[in-house]
Amino acid sequence: MPQQSTEDLRSFIRATKDIILPRRPSLPVTMLMDDELKLLYALARDHFRNEGHIIDAGCFLGGSTNALATGLLENPRYRARPRKALIHSYDVFQVERWTIGIYFPKGTKRKSSFEQDYRRNIMPFADLVDVRKGDIRDEPVFPEPVEILFIDIAKHYTTSDHVTRMFFPRLIPGHSIVVHQDYLWHDHTGWLPVTMEFFADYFEIIGDTRQNSVVFIYKKQIPEELLRQDVIASLSIAEIDRLSQRARSKYFDDEQKAVLAAGHAQFMGILERDRTWLGRWRSAVHQWLASTWRGTSRRLRSALRGASTSAKRSSTAARS
């Protein structure tokens, strides 16, 4: 199938805002805006060639999954050759404190599982979805080609680094679309512009949803050696600052640039804290524990983390 030009893709992304989503009796509660749901629906319906897979990284209660699956079922290339488990949905499926009273009833226990709620919400499309529960940082490199990569899970720069190494090697040059849902979200994800600017020779922005999501086309193959490293971990503070400034200088209007600048400032504070000797020690211990105990029971790993936390608190109390 011939590749679409960048301008054609930009026109396609702009046109998604005018789509009327198919009506369904009930839709799951979602954090996504309507324009984001329309975007995912249109990508699955019109852009997906049925040659690879769709990644739904950070599916929450299933809003993104529903939009992708609905579009996929209307895709003529998929309907001509149906396949199962094409959408791979990742989440820890644990309730966060701030979501109680908004997305979950008051009285819901923090860290309780909402996996069954998610599965109930995607029941009409269950055979299309491969549900991947757990910390995505424990997942290996994805084994198959990826046509659509929706990322709503990179809430920390270490997760962002892992997601990059996990999926970018499987993108299809000239075709694959990456949607970074948190790129323009408030001021909490300053590592995303830095990461995408690091790979600026290989991606191009083709659209956004005004707030939150930014859409990229994967232009050409990234050299393998660049994908073996953790991007943020490999960069100095000065390099991160330079890449962030360069990202803000492109494409975005003044309001969006202000959001990116706020995100960068918050990210710099996180890095300055993490890159002290104590921060580096804690990170090294965490990585060692994760690699040593991966595959053991969750109960044992939880106990170890609890013991580690208690030790840190005792050490802090002793120093003070």
C-alpha atoms as a PDB file:
ATOM      1  CA  MET A   1       0.000   0.000   0.000  1.00  0.00           C
ATOM      2  CA  PRO A   2       1.495   3.420  -0.943  1.00  0.00           C
ATOM      3  CA  GLN A   3       2.560   5.739   1.846  1.00  0.00           C
ATOM      4  CA  GLN A   4       0.493   8.845   2.516  1.00  0.00           C
ATOM      5  CA  SER A   5       2.211  12.212   2.359  1.00  0.00           C
ATOM      6  CA  THR A   6       2.699  14.195   5.548  1.00  0.00           C
ATOM      7  CA  GLU A   7       0.192  16.785   4.357  1.00  0.00           C
ATOM      8  CA  ASP A   8      -2.390  14.096   3.619  1.00  0.00           C
ATOM      9  CA  LEU A   9      -1.910  12.713   7.123  1.00  0.00           C
ATOM     10  CA  ARG A  10      -2.254  16.172   8.656  1.00  0.00           C
ATOM     11  CA  SER A  11      -5.493  16.682   6.766  1.00  0.00           C
ATOM     12  CA  PHE A  12      -6.699  13.289   7.951  1.00  0.00           C
ATOM     13  CA  ILE A  13      -5.912  14.116  11.606  1.00  0.00           C
ATOM     14  CA  ARG A  14      -7.656  17.504  11.358  1.00  0.00           C
ATOM     15  CA  ALA A  15     -10.736  15.873   9.850  1.00  0.00           C
ATOM     16  CA  THR A  16     -11.109  13.452  12.758  1.00  0.00           C
ATOM     17  CA  LYS A  17     -12.494  16.306  14.879  1.00  0.00           C
ATOM     18  CA  ASP A  18     -15.632  16.334  12.700  1.00  0.00           C
ATOM     19  CA  ILE A  19     -16.339  12.620  13.012  1.00  0.00           C
ATOM     20  CA  ILE A  20     -19.575  11.540  14.692  1.00  0.00           C
ATOM     21  CA  LEU A  21     -18.808   8.539  16.843  1.00  0.00           C
ATOM     22  CA  PRO A  22     -21.166   5.543  16.529  1.00  0.00           C
ATOM     23  CA  ARG A  23     -23.747   5.445  19.284  1.00  0.00           C
ATOM     24  CA  ARG A  24     -23.599   2.679  21.847  1.00  0.00           C
ATOM     25  CA  PRO A  25     -26.005   1.926  24.708  1.00  0.00           C
ATOM     26  CA  SER A  26     -23.306   2.656  27.283  1.00  0.00           C
ATOM     27  CA  LEU A  27     -19.726   3.817  27.144  1.00  0.00           C
ATOM     28  CA  PRO A  28     -17.163   3.448  29.935  1.00  0.00           C
ATOM     29  CA  VAL A  29     -16.145   6.433  31.992  1.00  0.00           C
ATOM     30  CA  THR A  30     -12.984   7.853  30.445  1.00  0.00           C
ATOM     31  CA  MET A  31     -10.410  10.565  31.028  1.00  0.00           C
ATOM     32  CA  LEU A  32     -10.115  11.126  27.286  1.00  0.00           C
ATOM     33  CA  MET A  33     -11.702  14.060  25.481  1.00  0.00           C
ATOM     34  CA  ASP A  34     -14.151  13.474  22.643  1.00  0.00           C
ATOM     35  CA  ASP A  35     -11.560  14.590  20.090  1.00  0.00           C
ATOM     36  CA  GLU A  36      -9.170  11.937  21.400  1.00  0.00           C
ATOM     37  CA  LEU A  37     -11.803   9.213  21.146  1.00  0.00           C
ATOM     38  CA  LYS A  38     -12.577  10.344  17.596  1.00  0.00           C
ATOM     39  CA  LEU A  39      -8.879  10.263  16.740  1.00  0.00           C
ATOM     40  CA  LEU A  40      -8.401   6.702  17.983  1.00  0.00           C
ATOM     41  CA  TYR A  41     -11.590   5.530  16.291  1.00  0.00           C
ATOM     42  CA  ALA A  42     -10.519   7.058  12.955  1.00  0.00           C
ATOM     43  CA  LEU A  43      -6.987   5.666  13.133  1.00  0.00           C
ATOM     44  CA  ALA A  44      -8.298   2.136  13.693  1.00  0.00           C
ATOM     45  CA  ARG A  45     -10.993   2.474  11.032  1.00  0.00           C
ATOM     46  CA  ASP A  46      -9.091   4.262   8.260  1.00  0.00           C
ATOM     47  CA  HIS A  47      -5.338   4.073   8.864  1.00  0.00           C
ATOM     48  CA  PHE A  48      -4.846   0.534  10.143  1.00  0.00           C
ATOM     49  CA  ARG A  49      -3.779  -1.794   7.293  1.00  0.00           C
ATOM     50  CA  ASN A  50      -4.278  -5.059   9.212  1.00  0.00           C
ATOM     51  CA  GLU A  51      -0.588  -5.862   8.839  1.00  0.00           C
ATOM     52  CA  GLY A  52       0.452  -5.313  12.467  1.00  0.00           C
ATOM     53  CA  HIS A  53      -1.002  -4.617  15.876  1.00  0.00           C
ATOM     54  CA  ILE A  54      -2.488  -1.798  17.948  1.00  0.00           C
ATOM     55  CA  ILE A  55      -1.055  -0.831  21.331  1.00  0.00           C
ATOM     56  CA  ASP A  56      -3.405   0.635  23.942  1.00  0.00           C
ATOM     57  CA  ALA A  57      -0.881   1.548  26.655  1.00  0.00           C
ATOM     58  CA  GLY A  58      -2.817   2.906  29.615  1.00  0.00           C
ATOM     59  CA  CYS A  59      -6.363   1.708  28.964  1.00  0.00           C
ATOM     60  CA  PHE A  60      -7.908   2.634  32.360  1.00  0.00           C
ATOM     61  CA  LEU A  61     -11.628   1.718  32.264  1.00  0.00           C
ATOM     62  CA  GLY A  62     -11.677   1.064  28.529  1.00  0.00           C
ATOM     63  CA  GLY A  63     -12.502   4.343  26.793  1.00  0.00           C
ATOM     64  CA  SER A  64      -9.511   4.119  24.469  1.00  0.00           C
ATOM     65  CA  THR A  65     -10.065   0.379  23.949  1.00  0.00           C
ATOM     66  CA  ASN A  66     -13.691   0.943  22.948  1.00  0.00           C
ATOM     67  CA  ALA A  67     -12.770   3.670  20.461  1.00  0.00           C
ATOM     68  CA  LEU A  68     -10.029   1.550  18.875  1.00  0.00           C
ATOM     69  CA  ALA A  69     -12.135  -1.622  18.758  1.00  0.00           C
ATOM     70  CA  THR A  70     -15.168   0.162  17.304  1.00  0.00           C
ATOM     71  CA  GLY A  71     -13.021   1.628  14.535  1.00  0.00           C
ATOM     72  CA  LEU A  72     -11.339  -1.700  13.888  1.00  0.00           C
ATOM     73  CA  LEU A  73     -14.658  -3.473  13.365  1.00  0.00           C
ATOM     74  CA  GLU A  74     -15.551  -0.907  10.687  1.00  0.00           C
ATOM     75  CA  ASN A  75     -12.188  -1.218   8.935  1.00  0.00           C
ATOM     76  CA  PRO A  76     -12.694  -2.950   5.535  1.00  0.00           C
ATOM     77  CA  ARG A  77      -9.163  -4.429   5.593  1.00  0.00           C
ATOM     78  CA  TYR A  78      -9.837  -5.990   8.973  1.00  0.00           C
ATOM     79  CA  ARG A  79     -13.284  -7.211   7.968  1.00  0.00           C
ATOM     80  CA  ALA A  80     -11.799  -8.905   4.908  1.00  0.00           C
ATOM     81  CA  ARG A  81      -9.349 -10.796   7.142  1.00  0.00           C
ATOM     82  CA  PRO A  82     -10.478 -10.829  10.795  1.00  0.00           C
ATOM     83  CA  ARG A  83      -7.871 -11.603  13.430  1.00  0.00           C
ATOM     84  CA  LYS A  84      -8.160 -11.937  17.191  1.00  0.00           C
ATOM     85  CA  ALA A  85      -6.285 -10.100  19.952  1.00  0.00           C
ATOM     86  CA  LEU A  86      -4.955  -7.291  17.751  1.00  0.00           C
ATOM     87  CA  ILE A  87      -5.354  -4.634  20.443  1.00  0.00           C
ATOM     88  CA  HIS A  88      -2.909  -5.025  23.322  1.00  0.00           C
ATOM     89  CA  SER A  89      -4.129  -3.117  26.377  1.00  0.00           C
ATOM     90  CA  TYR A  90      -1.774  -2.410  29.278  1.00  0.00           C
ATOM     91  CA  ASP A  91      -2.604  -1.164  32.776  1.00  0.00           C
ATOM     92  CA  VAL A  92      -1.913  -1.957  36.424  1.00  0.00           C
ATOM     93  CA  PHE A  93      -5.694  -1.744  37.015  1.00  0.00           C
ATOM     94  CA  GLN A  94      -5.284  -0.292  40.504  1.00  0.00           C
ATOM     95  CA  VAL A  95      -7.368   2.568  41.890  1.00  0.00           C
ATOM     96  CA  GLU A  96      -5.390   5.748  42.601  1.00  0.00           C
ATOM     97  CA  ARG A  97      -6.421   7.962  45.496  1.00  0.00           C
ATOM     98  CA  TRP A  98      -7.184  11.026  43.360  1.00  0.00           C
ATOM     99  CA  THR A  99      -9.650   9.063  41.179  1.00  0.00           C
ATOM    100  CA  ILE A 100     -11.919   8.125  44.116  1.00  0.00           C
ATOM    101  CA  GLY A 101     -15.101  10.160  44.027  1.00  0.00           C
ATOM    102  CA  ILE A 102     -14.481  11.085  40.363  1.00  0.00           C
ATOM    103  CA  TYR A 103     -14.133   7.836  38.443  1.00  0.00           C
ATOM    104  CA  PHE A 104     -14.843   5.436  41.318  1.00  0.00           C
ATOM    105  CA  PRO A 105     -17.451   5.668  44.108  1.00  0.00           C
ATOM    106  CA  LYS A 106     -16.503   7.264  47.397  1.00  0.00           C
ATOM    107  CA  GLY A 107     -15.338   4.602  49.787  1.00  0.00           C
ATOM    108  CA  THR A 108     -13.454   2.664  47.117  1.00  0.00           C
ATOM    109  CA  LYS A 109     -10.194   1.368  48.556  1.00  0.00           C
ATOM    110  CA  ARG A 110      -6.983   2.797  47.163  1.00  0.00           C
ATOM    111  CA  LYS A 111      -5.042   0.243  45.079  1.00  0.00           C
ATOM    112  CA  SER A 112      -8.079  -2.022  44.781  1.00  0.00           C
ATOM    113  CA  SER A 113      -8.340  -3.668  41.368  1.00  0.00           C
ATOM    114  CA  PHE A 114     -10.700  -2.424  38.666  1.00  0.00           C
ATOM    115  CA  GLU A 115      -9.683  -5.095  36.147  1.00  0.00           C
ATOM    116  CA  GLN A 116     -13.144  -6.699  36.187  1.00  0.00           C
ATOM    117  CA  ASP A 117     -14.749  -3.305  35.513  1.00  0.00           C
ATOM    118  CA  TYR A 118     -12.476  -2.911  32.514  1.00  0.00           C
ATOM    119  CA  ARG A 119     -13.240  -6.413  31.220  1.00  0.00           C
ATOM    120  CA  ARG A 120     -16.956  -5.787  31.613  1.00  0.00           C
ATOM    121  CA  ASN A 121     -16.630  -2.521  29.648  1.00  0.00           C
ATOM    122  CA  ILE A 122     -14.866  -4.214  26.726  1.00  0.00           C
ATOM    123  CA  MET A 123     -17.070  -7.331  26.682  1.00  0.00           C
ATOM    124  CA  PRO A 124     -18.475  -6.653  23.175  1.00  0.00           C
ATOM    125  CA  PHE A 125     -14.886  -6.614  21.839  1.00  0.00           C
ATOM    126  CA  ALA A 126     -13.267  -9.140  24.181  1.00  0.00           C
ATOM    127  CA  ASP A 127     -11.916 -11.331  21.383  1.00  0.00           C
ATOM    128  CA  LEU A 128     -10.103  -8.334  19.873  1.00  0.00           C
ATOM    129  CA  VAL A 129      -8.218  -7.454  23.054  1.00  0.00           C
ATOM    130  CA  ASP A 130      -5.150  -8.935  24.722  1.00  0.00           C
ATOM    131  CA  VAL A 131      -5.324  -7.617  28.305  1.00  0.00           C
ATOM    132  CA  ARG A 132      -1.881  -7.114  29.888  1.00  0.00           C
ATOM    133  CA  LYS A 133      -2.176  -6.503  33.629  1.00  0.00           C
ATOM    134  CA  GLY A 134       0.801  -5.291  35.646  1.00  0.00           C
ATOM    135  CA  ASP A 135       3.734  -2.897  35.561  1.00  0.00           C
ATOM    136  CA  ILE A 136       4.575  -2.366  31.905  1.00  0.00           C
ATOM    137  CA  ARG A 137       8.239  -2.013  32.883  1.00  0.00           C
ATOM    138  CA  ASP A 138       8.243  -5.777  33.475  1.00  0.00           C
ATOM    139  CA  GLU A 139       7.187  -6.443  29.882  1.00  0.00           C
ATOM    140  CA  PRO A 140       9.718  -7.497  27.190  1.00  0.00           C
ATOM    141  CA  VAL A 141      10.141  -5.875  23.784  1.00  0.00           C
ATOM    142  CA  PHE A 142       6.942  -6.324  21.806  1.00  0.00           C
ATOM    143  CA  PRO A 143       7.453  -9.139  19.263  1.00  0.00           C
ATOM    144  CA  GLU A 144       5.222  -7.979  16.371  1.00  0.00           C
ATOM    145  CA  PRO A 145       4.919  -4.933  14.058  1.00  0.00           C
ATOM    146  CA  VAL A 146       2.969  -2.023  15.545  1.00  0.00           C
ATOM    147  CA  GLU A 147       0.785   0.179  13.347  1.00  0.00           C
ATOM    148  CA  ILE A 148      -0.849   2.348  16.022  1.00  0.00           C
ATOM    149  CA  LEU A 149       0.891   3.125  19.319  1.00  0.00           C
ATOM    150  CA  PHE A 150      -1.314   4.953  21.831  1.00  0.00           C
ATOM    151  CA  ILE A 151       0.679   5.946  24.938  1.00  0.00           C
ATOM    152  CA  ASP A 152      -1.225   7.047  28.039  1.00  0.00           C
ATOM    153  CA  ILE A 153       0.961   5.221  30.528  1.00  0.00           C
ATOM    154  CA  ALA A 154       4.245   7.181  30.536  1.00  0.00           C
ATOM    155  CA  LYS A 155       3.551   8.920  33.860  1.00  0.00           C
ATOM    156  CA  HIS A 156       7.218   8.790  34.874  1.00  0.00           C
ATOM    157  CA  TYR A 157      10.360   9.154  32.808  1.00  0.00           C
ATOM    158  CA  THR A 158      11.514   5.618  33.663  1.00  0.00           C
ATOM    159  CA  THR A 159       8.247   4.235  32.297  1.00  0.00           C
ATOM    160  CA  SER A 160       8.604   6.437  29.231  1.00  0.00           C
ATOM    161  CA  ASP A 161      12.102   5.077  28.626  1.00  0.00           C
ATOM    162  CA  HIS A 162      10.863   1.496  28.874  1.00  0.00           C
ATOM    163  CA  VAL A 163       7.872   2.080  26.591  1.00  0.00           C
ATOM    164  CA  THR A 164      10.233   3.601  24.024  1.00  0.00           C
ATOM    165  CA  ARG A 165      12.543   0.575  24.088  1.00  0.00           C
ATOM    166  CA  MET A 166       9.583  -1.801  24.107  1.00  0.00           C
ATOM    167  CA  PHE A 167       7.629  -0.513  21.110  1.00  0.00           C
ATOM    168  CA  PHE A 168       9.710   1.838  18.935  1.00  0.00           C
ATOM    169  CA  PRO A 169      11.727  -1.043  17.415  1.00  0.00           C
ATOM    170  CA  ARG A 170       8.452  -2.490  16.074  1.00  0.00           C
ATOM    171  CA  LEU A 171       7.140   0.648  14.352  1.00  0.00           C
ATOM    172  CA  ILE A 172       6.743   0.580  10.562  1.00  0.00           C
ATOM    173  CA  PRO A 173       8.602   3.396   8.755  1.00  0.00           C
ATOM    174  CA  GLY A 174       6.345   5.664   6.757  1.00  0.00           C
ATOM    175  CA  HIS A 175       3.168   4.242   8.274  1.00  0.00           C
ATOM    176  CA  SER A 176       3.061   3.799  12.059  1.00  0.00           C
ATOM    177  CA  ILE A 177       1.324   6.451  14.128  1.00  0.00           C
ATOM    178  CA  VAL A 178       2.317   7.324  17.705  1.00  0.00           C
ATOM    179  CA  VAL A 179      -0.188   9.181  19.887  1.00  0.00           C
ATOM    180  CA  HIS A 180       1.296  10.651  23.082  1.00  0.00           C
ATOM    181  CA  GLN A 181      -1.780  11.355  25.191  1.00  0.00           C
ATOM    182  CA  ASP A 182       0.093  13.226  27.944  1.00  0.00           C
ATOM    183  CA  TYR A 183       2.310  15.403  25.725  1.00  0.00           C
ATOM    184  CA  LEU A 184       0.226  18.554  26.323  1.00  0.00           C
ATOM    185  CA  TRP A 185      -1.355  17.526  29.608  1.00  0.00           C
ATOM    186  CA  HIS A 186      -0.896  20.156  32.309  1.00  0.00           C
ATOM    187  CA  ASP A 187       2.685  20.231  33.637  1.00  0.00           C
ATOM    188  CA  HIS A 188       3.484  16.658  34.639  1.00  0.00           C
ATOM    189  CA  THR A 189       5.180  14.937  31.684  1.00  0.00           C
ATOM    190  CA  GLY A 190       8.130  17.059  30.588  1.00  0.00           C
ATOM    191  CA  TRP A 191      10.083  13.952  29.548  1.00  0.00           C
ATOM    192  CA  LEU A 192       7.794  13.293  26.572  1.00  0.00           C
ATOM    193  CA  PRO A 193       8.852  16.347  24.471  1.00  0.00           C
ATOM    194  CA  VAL A 194      12.481  15.574  25.321  1.00  0.00           C
ATOM    195  CA  THR A 195      12.142  11.948  24.223  1.00  0.00           C
ATOM    196  CA  MET A 196      10.420  12.764  20.947  1.00  0.00           C
ATOM    197  CA  GLU A 197      12.867  15.571  20.194  1.00  0.00           C
ATOM    198  CA  PHE A 198      15.732  13.125  20.802  1.00  0.00           C
ATOM    199  CA  PHE A 199      14.208  11.084  17.957  1.00  0.00           C
ATOM    200  CA  ALA A 200      13.271  14.136  15.871  1.00  0.00           C
ATOM    201  CA  ASP A 201      15.012  12.783  12.767  1.00  0.00           C
ATOM    202  CA  TYR A 202      12.652   9.791  12.795  1.00  0.00           C
ATOM    203  CA  PHE A 203       9.265  11.320  13.667  1.00  0.00           C
ATOM    204  CA  GLU A 204       7.188  14.275  12.588  1.00  0.00           C
ATOM    205  CA  ILE A 205       4.226  15.888  14.314  1.00  0.00           C
ATOM    206  CA  ILE A 206       1.099  15.608  12.160  1.00  0.00           C
ATOM    207  CA  GLY A 207      -1.526  16.892  14.573  1.00  0.00           C
ATOM    208  CA  ASP A 208      -2.840  17.341  18.086  1.00  0.00           C
ATOM    209  CA  THR A 209      -6.110  17.529  19.991  1.00  0.00           C
ATOM    210  CA  ARG A 210      -5.363  21.028  21.244  1.00  0.00           C
ATOM    211  CA  GLN A 211      -4.938  19.743  24.784  1.00  0.00           C
ATOM    212  CA  ASN A 212      -3.338  16.478  25.826  1.00  0.00           C
ATOM    213  CA  SER A 213      -2.628  14.351  22.734  1.00  0.00           C
ATOM    214  CA  VAL A 214       0.030  14.962  20.076  1.00  0.00           C
ATOM    215  CA  VAL A 215       0.207  12.720  17.006  1.00  0.00           C
ATOM    216  CA  PHE A 216       3.421  11.636  15.240  1.00  0.00           C
ATOM    217  CA  ILE A 217       4.165   9.777  12.017  1.00  0.00           C
ATOM    218  CA  TYR A 218       7.171   7.442  12.124  1.00  0.00           C
ATOM    219  CA  LYS A 219       9.218   8.565   9.107  1.00  0.00           C
ATOM    220  CA  LYS A 220      12.222   6.267   8.976  1.00  0.00           C
ATOM    221  CA  GLN A 221      13.907   3.453  10.862  1.00  0.00           C
ATOM    222  CA  ILE A 222      15.674   4.348  14.104  1.00  0.00           C
ATOM    223  CA  PRO A 223      19.175   2.828  14.322  1.00  0.00           C
ATOM    224  CA  GLU A 224      19.194  -0.153  16.645  1.00  0.00           C
ATOM    225  CA  GLU A 225      21.901   1.276  18.901  1.00  0.00           C
ATOM    226  CA  LEU A 226      19.711   4.270  19.793  1.00  0.00           C
ATOM    227  CA  LEU A 227      16.958   1.959  21.020  1.00  0.00           C
ATOM    228  CA  ARG A 228      19.132  -0.047  23.396  1.00  0.00           C
ATOM    229  CA  GLN A 229      19.493   2.826  25.869  1.00  0.00           C
ATOM    230  CA  ASP A 230      17.190   4.570  28.297  1.00  0.00           C
ATOM    231  CA  VAL A 231      16.800   7.942  26.601  1.00  0.00           C
ATOM    232  CA  ILE A 232      16.286  10.198  29.620  1.00  0.00           C
ATOM    233  CA  ALA A 233      18.787   8.307  31.770  1.00  0.00           C
ATOM    234  CA  SER A 234      21.443   8.692  29.063  1.00  0.00           C
ATOM    235  CA  LEU A 235      21.115  12.487  28.784  1.00  0.00           C
ATOM    236  CA  SER A 236      22.732  15.201  30.863  1.00  0.00           C
ATOM    237  CA  ILE A 237      20.667  18.002  32.388  1.00  0.00           C
ATOM    238  CA  ALA A 238      22.079  20.395  29.777  1.00  0.00           C
ATOM    239  CA  GLU A 239      21.098  18.053  26.930  1.00  0.00           C
ATOM    240  CA  ILE A 240      17.600  17.631  28.339  1.00  0.00           C
ATOM    241  CA  ASP A 241      17.202  21.403  28.643  1.00  0.00           C
ATOM    242  CA  ARG A 242      18.367  21.919  25.057  1.00  0.00           C
ATOM    243  CA  LEU A 243      16.024  19.246  23.643  1.00  0.00           C
ATOM    244  CA  SER A 244      13.083  20.622  25.607  1.00  0.00           C
ATOM    245  CA  GLN A 245      13.674  24.132  24.294  1.00  0.00           C
ATOM    246  CA  ARG A 246      13.999  22.810  20.760  1.00  0.00           C
ATOM    247  CA  ALA A 247      10.712  20.886  21.081  1.00  0.00           C
ATOM    248  CA  ARG A 248       8.907  24.019  22.271  1.00  0.00           C
ATOM    249  CA  SER A 249      10.198  26.029  19.325  1.00  0.00           C
ATOM    250  CA  LYS A 250       8.356  23.825  16.822  1.00  0.00           C
ATOM    251  CA  TYR A 251       4.739  23.592  15.760  1.00  0.00           C
ATOM    252  CA  PHE A 252       3.009  24.720  18.962  1.00  0.00           C
ATOM    253  CA  ASP A 253       1.148  27.964  19.670  1.00  0.00           C
ATOM    254  CA  ASP A 254       1.895  30.216  22.649  1.00  0.00           C
ATOM    255  CA  GLU A 255      -0.621  28.573  24.980  1.00  0.00           C
ATOM    256  CA  GLN A 256       0.719  25.104  24.224  1.00  0.00           C
ATOM    257  CA  LYS A 257       4.299  26.335  24.621  1.00  0.00           C
ATOM    258  CA  ALA A 258       3.395  27.634  28.084  1.00  0.00           C
ATOM    259  CA  VAL A 259       2.118  24.163  29.031  1.00  0.00           C
ATOM    260  CA  LEU A 260       5.348  22.594  27.749  1.00  0.00           C
ATOM    261  CA  ALA A 261       7.477  25.159  29.616  1.00  0.00           C
ATOM    262  CA  ALA A 262       5.643  24.389  32.878  1.00  0.00           C
ATOM    263  CA  GLY A 263       6.146  20.683  32.290  1.00  0.00           C
ATOM    264  CA  HIS A 264       9.839  21.217  31.671  1.00  0.00           C
ATOM    265  CA  ALA A 265      10.257  23.173  34.907  1.00  0.00           C
ATOM    266  CA  GLN A 266       8.540  20.441  36.904  1.00  0.00           C
ATOM    267  CA  PHE A 267      10.640  17.767  35.183  1.00  0.00           C
ATOM    268  CA  MET A 268      13.866  19.628  36.016  1.00  0.00           C
ATOM    269  CA  GLY A 269      12.886  19.585  39.687  1.00  0.00           C
ATOM    270  CA  ILE A 270      12.336  15.818  39.568  1.00  0.00           C
ATOM    271  CA  LEU A 271      15.684  15.231  37.868  1.00  0.00           C
ATOM    272  CA  GLU A 272      17.633  17.450  40.251  1.00  0.00           C
ATOM    273  CA  ARG A 273      16.199  15.472  43.159  1.00  0.00           C
ATOM    274  CA  ASP A 274      16.717  12.065  41.532  1.00  0.00           C
ATOM    275  CA  ARG A 275      20.258  12.736  40.382  1.00  0.00           C
ATOM    276  CA  THR A 276      21.683  13.490  43.815  1.00  0.00           C
ATOM    277  CA  TRP A 277      23.809  10.659  45.217  1.00  0.00           C
ATOM    278  CA  LEU A 278      20.906   9.499  47.396  1.00  0.00           C
ATOM    279  CA  GLY A 279      18.503   9.520  44.471  1.00  0.00           C
ATOM    280  CA  ARG A 280      20.924   7.502  42.354  1.00  0.00           C
ATOM    281  CA  TRP A 281      21.405   4.986  45.179  1.00  0.00           C
ATOM    282  CA  ARG A 282      17.668   4.506  45.610  1.00  0.00           C
ATOM    283  CA  SER A 283      17.217   4.088  41.862  1.00  0.00           C
ATOM    284  CA  ALA A 284      19.999   1.503  41.675  1.00  0.00           C
ATOM    285  CA  VAL A 285      18.528  -0.504  44.575  1.00  0.00           C
ATOM    286  CA  HIS A 286      15.065  -0.408  43.012  1.00  0.00           C
ATOM    287  CA  GLN A 287      16.380  -1.569  39.628  1.00  0.00           C
ATOM    288  CA  TRP A 288      18.404  -4.369  41.252  1.00  0.00           C
ATOM    289  CA  LEU A 289      15.408  -5.591  43.242  1.00  0.00           C
ATOM    290  CA  ALA A 290      13.174  -5.452  40.182  1.00  0.00           C
ATOM    291  CA  SER A 291      15.578  -7.446  38.027  1.00  0.00           C
ATOM    292  CA  THR A 292      16.440  -9.950  40.772  1.00  0.00           C
ATOM    293  CA  TRP A 293      12.913 -10.693  41.860  1.00  0.00           C
ATOM    294  CA  ARG A 294      11.019 -10.392  38.592  1.00  0.00           C
ATOM    295  CA  GLY A 295       8.929 -13.504  38.232  1.00  0.00           C
ATOM    296  CA  THR A 296       8.543 -14.152  41.976  1.00  0.00           C
ATOM    297  CA  SER A 297       5.199 -13.874  43.691  1.00  0.00           C
ATOM    298  CA  ARG A 298       3.592 -10.450  44.041  1.00  0.00           C
ATOM    299  CA  ARG A 299       3.266 -10.996  47.777  1.00  0.00           C
ATOM    300  CA  LEU A 300       7.009 -11.494  48.214  1.00  0.00           C
ATOM    301  CA  ARG A 301       7.849  -8.495  46.037  1.00  0.00           C
ATOM    302  CA  SER A 302       5.378  -6.365  48.009  1.00  0.00           C
ATOM    303  CA  ALA A 303       6.953  -7.437  51.284  1.00  0.00           C
ATOM    304  CA  LEU A 304      10.402  -6.552  49.997  1.00  0.00           C
ATOM    305  CA  ARG A 305       9.265  -3.123  48.881  1.00  0.00           C
ATOM    306  CA  GLY A 306       7.674  -2.537  52.283  1.00  0.00           C
ATOM    307  CA  ALA A 307      10.856  -3.551  54.073  1.00  0.00           C
ATOM    308  CA  SER A 308      12.909  -1.276  51.817  1.00  0.00           C
ATOM    309  CA  THR A 309      10.572   1.673  52.550  1.00  0.00           C
ATOM    310  CA  SER A 310      10.795   1.070  56.306  1.00  0.00           C
ATOM    311  CA  ALA A 311      14.584   0.946  56.124  1.00  0.00           C
ATOM    312  CA  LYS A 312      14.715   4.240  54.263  1.00  0.00           C
ATOM    313  CA  ARG A 313      12.454   5.918  56.832  1.00  0.00           C
ATOM    314  CA  SER A 314      14.566   4.586  59.695  1.00  0.00           C
ATOM    315  CA  SER A 315      17.719   5.833  57.990  1.00  0.00           C
ATOM    316  CA  THR A 316      16.190   9.277  57.517  1.00  0.00           C
ATOM    317  CA  ALA A 317      15.098   9.413  61.168  1.00  0.00           C
ATOM    318  CA  ALA A 318      18.581   8.392  62.313  1.00  0.00           C
ATOM    319  CA  ARG A 319      20.252  11.121  60.279  1.00  0.00           C
ATOM    320  CA  SER A 320      17.903  13.750  61.666  1.00  0.00           C
END
